[in-house]
Amino acid sequence: MAEEAPKQPTAPSMRVLGQFIRDMSFENIMAQKGAPTDVQPDVQVQVNLDAKKRPTEHQFETAIKLNVTSKNKGGDQTLFVLELDYVGIFHIENVPDDQIHPFLLIECPRMIFPFLRRVVSDITRDGGFPPLNLENIDFMSMYRNEVARRQQAETPPKADA
């Protein structure tokens, strides 16, 4: 009787099936109000992530939601506002159930982020501003911070003795 070779764990696999802009809004407030063009932009970027299972087996989607606000330095005059919901659709196999959540919110956003960065650059340039080149986002750190925040919110406050 031949001995069976130990079963090798199967490596996770991921394919990007598609990516698209689900929703986008760009307002050039400076142009609408006829504001002066000698401005120094101060850009604030908020990032939110969302992920979910799709009806098809092994398919998931991850969304990166950006809210970019540019104000004139030294004042509160808004120059532009960009809201963007960018989605990637992924085929993922061989990722354990207990690791799929971090996988969807760390690895998947990393895969589509370069494309999102290009879209933001093009939109801001076409909107009349210098192209906004987003800094790299540390999705691992974002994930860990969100997990810590949720754990802290769930911990009941200690009663004074």
Protein backbone atom coordinates (compact mmCIF):
# COMPACT_ATOMS: atom_id res chain seq x y z
CA MET A 1 0.00 0.00 0.00
CA ALA A 2 1.56 3.27 -1.14
CA GLU A 3 1.70 6.10 1.34
CA GLU A 4 -0.05 9.27 0.37
CA ALA A 5 2.13 12.34 0.16
CA PRO A 6 1.19 15.01 2.70
CA LYS A 7 -1.30 17.40 1.21
CA GLN A 8 0.29 20.72 0.37
CA PRO A 9 -1.76 23.78 1.30
CA THR A 10 -3.10 25.47 -1.79
CA ALA A 11 -1.90 29.01 -2.24
CA PRO A 12 -4.51 31.76 -2.30
CA SER A 13 -5.40 33.00 -5.74
CA MET A 14 -6.93 36.30 -6.78
CA ARG A 15 -7.90 37.73 -10.14
CA VAL A 16 -9.28 41.16 -10.85
CA LEU A 17 -12.38 40.55 -12.95
CA GLY A 18 -13.24 44.20 -13.41
CA GLN A 19 -13.04 47.64 -11.93
CA PHE A 20 -15.20 50.69 -12.42
CA ILE A 21 -16.40 54.01 -11.08
CA ARG A 22 -19.70 53.34 -9.31
CA ASP A 23 -20.34 56.97 -8.41
CA MET A 24 -18.43 60.21 -8.88
CA SER A 25 -18.97 63.90 -8.25
CA PHE A 26 -16.52 66.74 -8.90
CA GLU A 27 -17.40 70.34 -8.08
CA ASN A 28 -15.06 73.16 -9.07
CA ILE A 29 -16.42 75.61 -6.52
CA MET A 30 -13.67 78.13 -7.22
CA ALA A 31 -14.78 78.51 -10.85
CA GLN A 32 -18.47 78.65 -9.92
CA LYS A 33 -17.88 81.54 -7.53
CA GLY A 34 -15.39 83.34 -9.73
CA ALA A 35 -12.76 83.15 -7.00
CA PRO A 36 -9.23 84.44 -7.59
CA THR A 37 -6.77 82.07 -9.22
CA ASP A 38 -3.83 82.87 -6.90
CA VAL A 39 -4.66 80.16 -4.39
CA GLN A 40 -2.64 77.68 -2.38
CA PRO A 41 -4.61 74.46 -2.11
CA ASP A 42 -4.78 72.53 1.15
CA VAL A 43 -6.08 69.07 0.25
CA GLN A 44 -7.83 66.76 2.74
CA VAL A 45 -8.48 63.15 1.74
CA GLN A 46 -10.85 60.79 3.58
CA VAL A 47 -10.81 57.11 2.64
CA ASN A 48 -13.43 54.49 3.48
CA LEU A 49 -13.49 50.86 2.43
CA ASP A 50 -16.33 48.45 1.91
CA ALA A 51 -16.36 44.82 0.79
CA LYS A 52 -18.96 42.16 0.20
CA LYS A 53 -19.57 38.74 -1.27
CA ARG A 54 -21.22 38.67 -4.68
CA PRO A 55 -23.89 36.10 -5.65
CA THR A 56 -21.44 34.17 -7.87
CA GLU A 57 -19.23 31.65 -6.06
CA HIS A 58 -15.74 32.95 -5.20
CA GLN A 59 -16.60 36.48 -6.32
CA PHE A 60 -16.26 39.53 -4.10
CA GLU A 61 -16.27 43.28 -4.54
CA THR A 62 -14.24 45.87 -2.72
CA ALA A 63 -15.02 49.59 -2.89
CA ILE A 64 -12.69 52.46 -2.11
CA LYS A 65 -14.69 55.56 -1.27
CA LEU A 66 -12.78 58.84 -1.43
CA ASN A 67 -13.87 62.25 -0.27
CA VAL A 68 -11.35 64.90 -1.33
CA THR A 69 -11.78 68.52 -0.27
CA SER A 70 -9.40 71.26 -1.33
CA LYS A 71 -9.49 74.57 0.53
CA ASN A 72 -7.39 77.70 0.13
CA LYS A 73 -4.58 77.72 2.72
CA GLY A 74 -5.11 80.34 5.38
CA GLY A 75 -8.85 80.49 4.78
CA ASP A 76 -11.94 78.36 4.65
CA GLN A 77 -12.74 78.97 0.98
CA THR A 78 -13.40 75.60 -0.70
CA LEU A 79 -11.75 75.24 -4.09
CA PHE A 80 -13.08 71.84 -5.14
CA VAL A 81 -14.77 68.73 -3.79
CA LEU A 82 -14.34 65.26 -5.27
CA GLU A 83 -16.37 62.25 -4.17
CA LEU A 84 -15.50 58.95 -5.77
CA ASP A 85 -16.69 55.38 -5.23
CA TYR A 86 -14.30 53.05 -7.08
CA VAL A 87 -15.03 49.31 -7.15
CA GLY A 88 -13.02 46.22 -7.97
CA ILE A 89 -14.58 42.82 -8.62
CA PHE A 90 -12.38 39.89 -7.65
CA HIS A 91 -12.33 36.12 -8.04
CA ILE A 92 -10.72 34.78 -4.85
CA GLU A 93 -10.02 31.17 -3.96
CA ASN A 94 -8.16 29.30 -1.21
CA VAL A 95 -8.35 32.05 1.38
CA PRO A 96 -9.54 30.72 4.76
CA ASP A 97 -12.86 32.12 5.99
CA ASP A 98 -11.21 33.77 8.99
CA GLN A 99 -8.83 35.65 6.66
CA ILE A 100 -11.19 36.74 3.88
CA HIS A 101 -12.26 39.96 5.62
CA PRO A 102 -8.72 41.36 5.99
CA PHE A 103 -7.88 40.06 2.51
CA LEU A 104 -10.79 42.01 1.00
CA LEU A 105 -9.91 45.21 2.88
CA ILE A 106 -6.12 45.09 2.48
CA GLU A 107 -5.01 43.13 -0.59
CA CYS A 108 -7.91 43.98 -2.89
CA PRO A 109 -7.67 47.77 -2.39
CA ARG A 110 -3.90 47.53 -3.00
CA MET A 111 -4.59 45.95 -6.39
CA ILE A 112 -6.96 48.65 -7.64
CA PHE A 113 -5.41 51.70 -5.95
CA PRO A 114 -3.02 52.59 -8.82
CA PHE A 115 -6.00 52.84 -11.18
CA LEU A 116 -7.96 54.94 -8.70
CA ARG A 117 -4.92 57.24 -8.35
CA ARG A 118 -4.86 57.79 -12.12
CA VAL A 119 -8.60 58.56 -12.19
CA VAL A 120 -8.21 61.16 -9.41
CA SER A 121 -5.26 62.75 -11.21
CA ASP A 122 -7.21 62.98 -14.48
CA ILE A 123 -10.37 64.33 -12.84
CA THR A 124 -8.59 67.10 -10.94
CA ARG A 125 -6.54 68.06 -14.01
CA ASP A 126 -9.59 68.08 -16.28
CA GLY A 127 -11.44 70.05 -13.57
CA GLY A 128 -9.02 72.96 -13.89
CA PHE A 129 -6.49 72.18 -11.14
CA PRO A 130 -3.03 70.68 -11.08
CA PRO A 131 -3.31 66.88 -11.13
CA LEU A 132 -3.73 65.50 -7.62
CA ASN A 133 -1.35 62.58 -7.16
CA LEU A 134 -2.57 60.68 -4.12
CA GLU A 135 0.01 59.39 -1.68
CA ASN A 136 0.14 55.64 -1.19
CA ILE A 137 -2.39 54.43 1.34
CA ASP A 138 -1.35 51.91 3.98
CA PHE A 139 -4.40 49.66 3.83
CA MET A 140 -2.90 47.31 6.45
CA SER A 141 -2.63 50.16 8.95
CA MET A 142 -6.15 51.37 8.08
CA TYR A 143 -7.52 47.88 8.71
CA ARG A 144 -5.72 47.48 12.03
CA ASN A 145 -6.87 50.92 13.21
CA GLU A 146 -10.49 50.11 12.34
CA VAL A 147 -10.33 46.75 14.14
CA ALA A 148 -8.85 48.45 17.23
CA ARG A 149 -11.50 51.19 17.10
CA ARG A 150 -14.31 48.62 16.92
CA GLN A 151 -12.86 46.58 19.78
CA GLN A 152 -12.57 49.70 21.91
CA ALA A 153 -16.17 50.66 21.11
CA GLU A 154 -17.37 47.20 22.18
CA THR A 155 -15.46 47.22 25.48
CA PRO A 156 -17.79 48.41 28.24
CA PRO A 157 -16.40 51.19 30.42
CA LYS A 158 -15.02 50.06 33.77
CA ALA A 159 -17.13 50.93 36.78
CA ASP A 160 -15.42 52.79 39.61
CA ALA A 161 -14.90 50.61 42.66
